[in-house]
Amino acid sequence: APDVVKKLFTLEYMPLKETAVVNYEKARDLVKRHDFDYRSAESN
């Protein structure tokens, strides 16, 4: 894909709510205990 199209799909052009969800998921992935951990205190 052209560079212009790639840039449009970066977080810079996403709505704030979607950017917040992506950032939350990245932070959760850093502290989760294992791959299927979505319910521990650290990952919530």
N, C-alpha and C. Protein backbone atom coordinates (compact mmCIF):
# COMPACT_ATOMS: atom_id res chain seq x y z
N ALA A 1 0.84 -1.19 0.00
CA ALA A 1 0.00 0.00 0.00
C ALA A 1 0.89 1.25 0.00
N PRO A 2 0.40 2.32 -0.58
CA PRO A 2 1.16 3.57 -0.58
C PRO A 2 1.35 4.11 0.85
N ASP A 3 2.37 4.91 1.03
CA ASP A 3 2.67 5.47 2.35
C ASP A 3 1.51 6.30 2.90
N VAL A 4 0.78 6.98 2.04
CA VAL A 4 -0.35 7.81 2.48
C VAL A 4 -1.42 6.92 3.12
N VAL A 5 -1.70 5.80 2.51
CA VAL A 5 -2.71 4.88 3.05
C VAL A 5 -2.23 4.30 4.37
N LYS A 6 -0.98 3.91 4.47
CA LYS A 6 -0.43 3.37 5.71
C LYS A 6 -0.55 4.39 6.84
N LYS A 7 -0.26 5.64 6.55
CA LYS A 7 -0.32 6.68 7.57
C LYS A 7 -1.75 6.90 8.08
N LEU A 8 -2.73 6.76 7.20
CA LEU A 8 -4.13 6.94 7.60
C LEU A 8 -4.58 5.89 8.60
N PHE A 9 -3.94 4.72 8.61
CA PHE A 9 -4.33 3.65 9.51
C PHE A 9 -3.49 3.61 10.78
N THR A 10 -2.72 4.64 11.07
CA THR A 10 -1.95 4.71 12.31
C THR A 10 -2.83 5.27 13.41
N LEU A 11 -2.35 5.20 14.66
CA LEU A 11 -3.11 5.73 15.79
C LEU A 11 -3.30 7.23 15.70
N GLU A 12 -2.46 7.91 14.97
CA GLU A 12 -2.55 9.36 14.85
C GLU A 12 -3.89 9.80 14.29
N TYR A 13 -4.49 9.00 13.42
CA TYR A 13 -5.74 9.38 12.77
C TYR A 13 -6.95 8.61 13.30
N MET A 14 -6.77 7.80 14.31
CA MET A 14 -7.89 7.08 14.90
C MET A 14 -8.64 8.00 15.86
N PRO A 15 -9.93 7.75 16.07
CA PRO A 15 -10.66 8.51 17.09
C PRO A 15 -10.04 8.27 18.47
N LEU A 16 -10.20 9.22 19.36
CA LEU A 16 -9.60 9.14 20.69
C LEU A 16 -10.03 7.89 21.44
N LYS A 17 -11.29 7.51 21.32
CA LYS A 17 -11.79 6.32 22.03
C LYS A 17 -11.05 5.07 21.56
N GLU A 18 -10.86 4.91 20.27
CA GLU A 18 -10.16 3.74 19.75
C GLU A 18 -8.69 3.75 20.15
N THR A 19 -8.08 4.92 20.17
CA THR A 19 -6.69 5.04 20.61
C THR A 19 -6.56 4.63 22.07
N ALA A 20 -7.52 5.04 22.90
CA ALA A 20 -7.49 4.69 24.32
C ALA A 20 -7.62 3.18 24.50
N VAL A 21 -8.46 2.53 23.70
CA VAL A 21 -8.63 1.08 23.80
C VAL A 21 -7.33 0.37 23.44
N VAL A 22 -6.68 0.82 22.39
CA VAL A 22 -5.41 0.20 21.97
C VAL A 22 -4.36 0.38 23.05
N ASN A 23 -4.27 1.57 23.63
CA ASN A 23 -3.29 1.81 24.69
C ASN A 23 -3.59 0.97 25.93
N TYR A 24 -4.87 0.81 26.27
CA TYR A 24 -5.26 -0.02 27.40
C TYR A 24 -4.86 -1.47 27.17
N GLU A 25 -5.10 -1.97 25.96
CA GLU A 25 -4.75 -3.35 25.65
C GLU A 25 -3.24 -3.57 25.69
N LYS A 26 -2.48 -2.61 25.23
CA LYS A 26 -1.02 -2.73 25.28
C LYS A 26 -0.53 -2.78 26.73
N ALA A 27 -1.10 -1.92 27.58
CA ALA A 27 -0.71 -1.91 28.99
C ALA A 27 -1.11 -3.21 29.67
N ARG A 28 -2.30 -3.70 29.37
CA ARG A 28 -2.77 -4.95 29.96
C ARG A 28 -1.88 -6.12 29.54
N ASP A 29 -1.45 -6.13 28.30
CA ASP A 29 -0.58 -7.20 27.81
C ASP A 29 0.77 -7.21 28.52
N LEU A 30 1.21 -6.06 29.01
CA LEU A 30 2.49 -6.00 29.71
C LEU A 30 2.44 -6.65 31.09
N VAL A 31 1.26 -6.67 31.73
CA VAL A 31 1.16 -7.15 33.11
C VAL A 31 0.42 -8.47 33.26
N LYS A 32 -0.15 -8.99 32.20
CA LYS A 32 -0.92 -10.23 32.35
C LYS A 32 -0.01 -11.41 32.67
N ARG A 33 -0.56 -12.37 33.38
CA ARG A 33 0.22 -13.51 33.86
C ARG A 33 0.48 -14.55 32.78
N HIS A 34 -0.45 -14.73 31.86
CA HIS A 34 -0.30 -15.69 30.77
C HIS A 34 -1.17 -15.24 29.61
N ASP A 35 -1.11 -15.94 28.49
CA ASP A 35 -1.79 -15.50 27.27
C ASP A 35 -3.30 -15.40 27.40
N PHE A 36 -3.91 -16.18 28.27
CA PHE A 36 -5.37 -16.18 28.40
C PHE A 36 -5.83 -15.44 29.65
N ASP A 37 -5.00 -14.61 30.23
CA ASP A 37 -5.31 -13.89 31.46
C ASP A 37 -6.03 -12.58 31.15
N TYR A 38 -7.34 -12.58 31.38
CA TYR A 38 -8.12 -11.35 31.21
C TYR A 38 -8.92 -11.03 32.46
N ARG A 39 -8.78 -11.84 33.52
CA ARG A 39 -9.61 -11.66 34.70
C ARG A 39 -8.83 -11.41 35.98
N SER A 40 -7.52 -11.46 35.96
CA SER A 40 -6.76 -11.23 37.18
C SER A 40 -6.78 -9.75 37.55
N ALA A 41 -6.43 -9.45 38.78
CA ALA A 41 -6.44 -8.06 39.25
C ALA A 41 -5.48 -7.19 38.45
N GLU A 42 -4.37 -7.76 38.04
CA GLU A 42 -3.38 -6.98 37.30
C GLU A 42 -3.87 -6.61 35.90
N SER A 43 -4.65 -7.48 35.29
CA SER A 43 -5.05 -7.24 33.90
C SER A 43 -6.37 -6.50 33.77
N ASN A 44 -7.03 -6.18 34.85
CA ASN A 44 -8.30 -5.43 34.78
C ASN A 44 -8.12 -3.99 35.10
